[in-house]
């Protein structure tokens, strides 16, 4: 994940709390949140690809197939 993206999200969040955001900054914040959440979801999906479940009969199956 891009460190500059997170820094900018944090800058906008701080400014929103302190003084508020103008319309352009609000749009930028929404767009950055979309990018950030997309990356988080992709990472979570990759993690699930590596998870396996052992069933009661002893068979081990990938989580997505369980």
C-alpha atoms as a PDB file:
ATOM      1  CA  UNK A   1       0.000   0.000   0.000  1.00  0.00           C
ATOM      2  CA  UNK A   2       1.306   3.412  -0.928  1.00  0.00           C
ATOM      3  CA  UNK A   3       2.553   5.335   2.103  1.00  0.00           C
ATOM      4  CA  UNK A   4       1.791   8.682   0.447  1.00  0.00           C
ATOM      5  CA  UNK A   5      -1.843   7.629  -0.002  1.00  0.00           C
ATOM      6  CA  UNK A   6      -2.209   6.895   3.702  1.00  0.00           C
ATOM      7  CA  UNK A   7      -0.455  10.133   4.647  1.00  0.00           C
ATOM      8  CA  UNK A   8      -2.828  12.147   2.449  1.00  0.00           C
ATOM      9  CA  UNK A   9      -5.876  10.360   3.892  1.00  0.00           C
ATOM     10  CA  UNK A  10      -4.636  11.219   7.377  1.00  0.00           C
ATOM     11  CA  UNK A  11      -3.979  14.850   6.415  1.00  0.00           C
ATOM     12  CA  UNK A  12      -7.492  15.249   5.080  1.00  0.00           C
ATOM     13  CA  UNK A  13      -9.016  13.532   8.119  1.00  0.00           C
ATOM     14  CA  UNK A  14      -7.136  15.875  10.449  1.00  0.00           C
ATOM     15  CA  UNK A  15      -8.150  18.936   8.459  1.00  0.00           C
ATOM     16  CA  UNK A  16     -11.771  17.748   8.426  1.00  0.00           C
ATOM     17  CA  UNK A  17     -11.760  17.524  12.228  1.00  0.00           C
ATOM     18  CA  UNK A  18     -10.033  20.865  12.719  1.00  0.00           C
ATOM     19  CA  UNK A  19     -11.398  23.224  10.077  1.00  0.00           C
ATOM     20  CA  UNK A  20     -13.551  21.245   7.670  1.00  0.00           C
ATOM     21  CA  UNK A  21     -12.995  20.412   4.021  1.00  0.00           C
ATOM     22  CA  UNK A  22     -13.990  22.278   0.905  1.00  0.00           C
ATOM     23  CA  UNK A  23     -15.908  20.496  -1.854  1.00  0.00           C
ATOM     24  CA  UNK A  24     -12.783  19.574  -3.822  1.00  0.00           C
ATOM     25  CA  UNK A  25     -11.103  18.089  -0.745  1.00  0.00           C
ATOM     26  CA  UNK A  26     -14.246  16.109   0.105  1.00  0.00           C
ATOM     27  CA  UNK A  27     -14.232  14.582  -3.375  1.00  0.00           C
ATOM     28  CA  UNK A  28     -10.530  13.775  -3.056  1.00  0.00           C
ATOM     29  CA  UNK A  29     -11.117  12.163   0.345  1.00  0.00           C
ATOM     30  CA  UNK A  30     -13.925   9.976  -1.004  1.00  0.00           C
ATOM     31  CA  UNK A  31     -11.772   8.867  -3.928  1.00  0.00           C
ATOM     32  CA  UNK A  32      -8.820   8.075  -1.659  1.00  0.00           C
ATOM     33  CA  UNK A  33     -11.088   6.043   0.638  1.00  0.00           C
ATOM     34  CA  UNK A  34     -12.303   4.028  -2.369  1.00  0.00           C
ATOM     35  CA  UNK A  35      -8.722   3.251  -3.372  1.00  0.00           C
ATOM     36  CA  UNK A  36      -7.746   2.390   0.198  1.00  0.00           C
ATOM     37  CA  UNK A  37     -10.726   0.084   0.769  1.00  0.00           C
ATOM     38  CA  UNK A  38     -10.113  -1.611  -2.574  1.00  0.00           C
ATOM     39  CA  UNK A  39      -6.554  -2.401  -1.540  1.00  0.00           C
ATOM     40  CA  UNK A  40      -7.677  -3.685   1.869  1.00  0.00           C
ATOM     41  CA  UNK A  41     -10.272  -5.944   0.246  1.00  0.00           C
ATOM     42  CA  UNK A  42      -7.686  -7.309  -2.185  1.00  0.00           C
ATOM     43  CA  UNK A  43      -5.279  -8.071   0.664  1.00  0.00           C
ATOM     44  CA  UNK A  44      -8.048  -9.797   2.616  1.00  0.00           C
ATOM     45  CA  UNK A  45      -8.980 -11.887  -0.397  1.00  0.00           C
ATOM     46  CA  UNK A  46      -5.338 -12.919  -0.862  1.00  0.00           C
ATOM     47  CA  UNK A  47      -5.183 -13.921   2.794  1.00  0.00           C
ATOM     48  CA  UNK A  48      -8.276 -16.089   2.403  1.00  0.00           C
ATOM     49  CA  UNK A  49      -6.651 -17.798  -0.582  1.00  0.00           C
ATOM     50  CA  UNK A  50      -3.990 -19.092   1.819  1.00  0.00           C
ATOM     51  CA  UNK A  51      -6.406 -20.344   4.501  1.00  0.00           C
ATOM     52  CA  UNK A  52      -7.472 -23.978   4.642  1.00  0.00           C
ATOM     53  CA  UNK A  53     -10.069 -25.722   6.768  1.00  0.00           C
ATOM     54  CA  UNK A  54      -9.855 -29.232   8.122  1.00  0.00           C
ATOM     55  CA  UNK A  55     -13.231 -30.918   7.982  1.00  0.00           C
ATOM     56  CA  UNK A  56     -14.516 -33.447  10.512  1.00  0.00           C
ATOM     57  CA  UNK A  57     -13.503 -36.359   8.258  1.00  0.00           C
ATOM     58  CA  UNK A  58      -9.892 -35.072   8.136  1.00  0.00           C
ATOM     59  CA  UNK A  59      -9.966 -33.645   4.642  1.00  0.00           C
ATOM     60  CA  UNK A  60      -8.295 -30.250   4.253  1.00  0.00           C
ATOM     61  CA  UNK A  61      -9.991 -27.918   1.777  1.00  0.00           C
ATOM     62  CA  UNK A  62      -9.305 -24.331   0.778  1.00  0.00           C
ATOM     63  CA  UNK A  63     -11.465 -21.840   2.685  1.00  0.00           C
ATOM     64  CA  UNK A  64     -13.225 -20.604  -0.447  1.00  0.00           C
ATOM     65  CA  UNK A  65     -14.410 -24.129  -1.229  1.00  0.00           C
ATOM     66  CA  UNK A  66     -15.587 -24.915   2.312  1.00  0.00           C
END
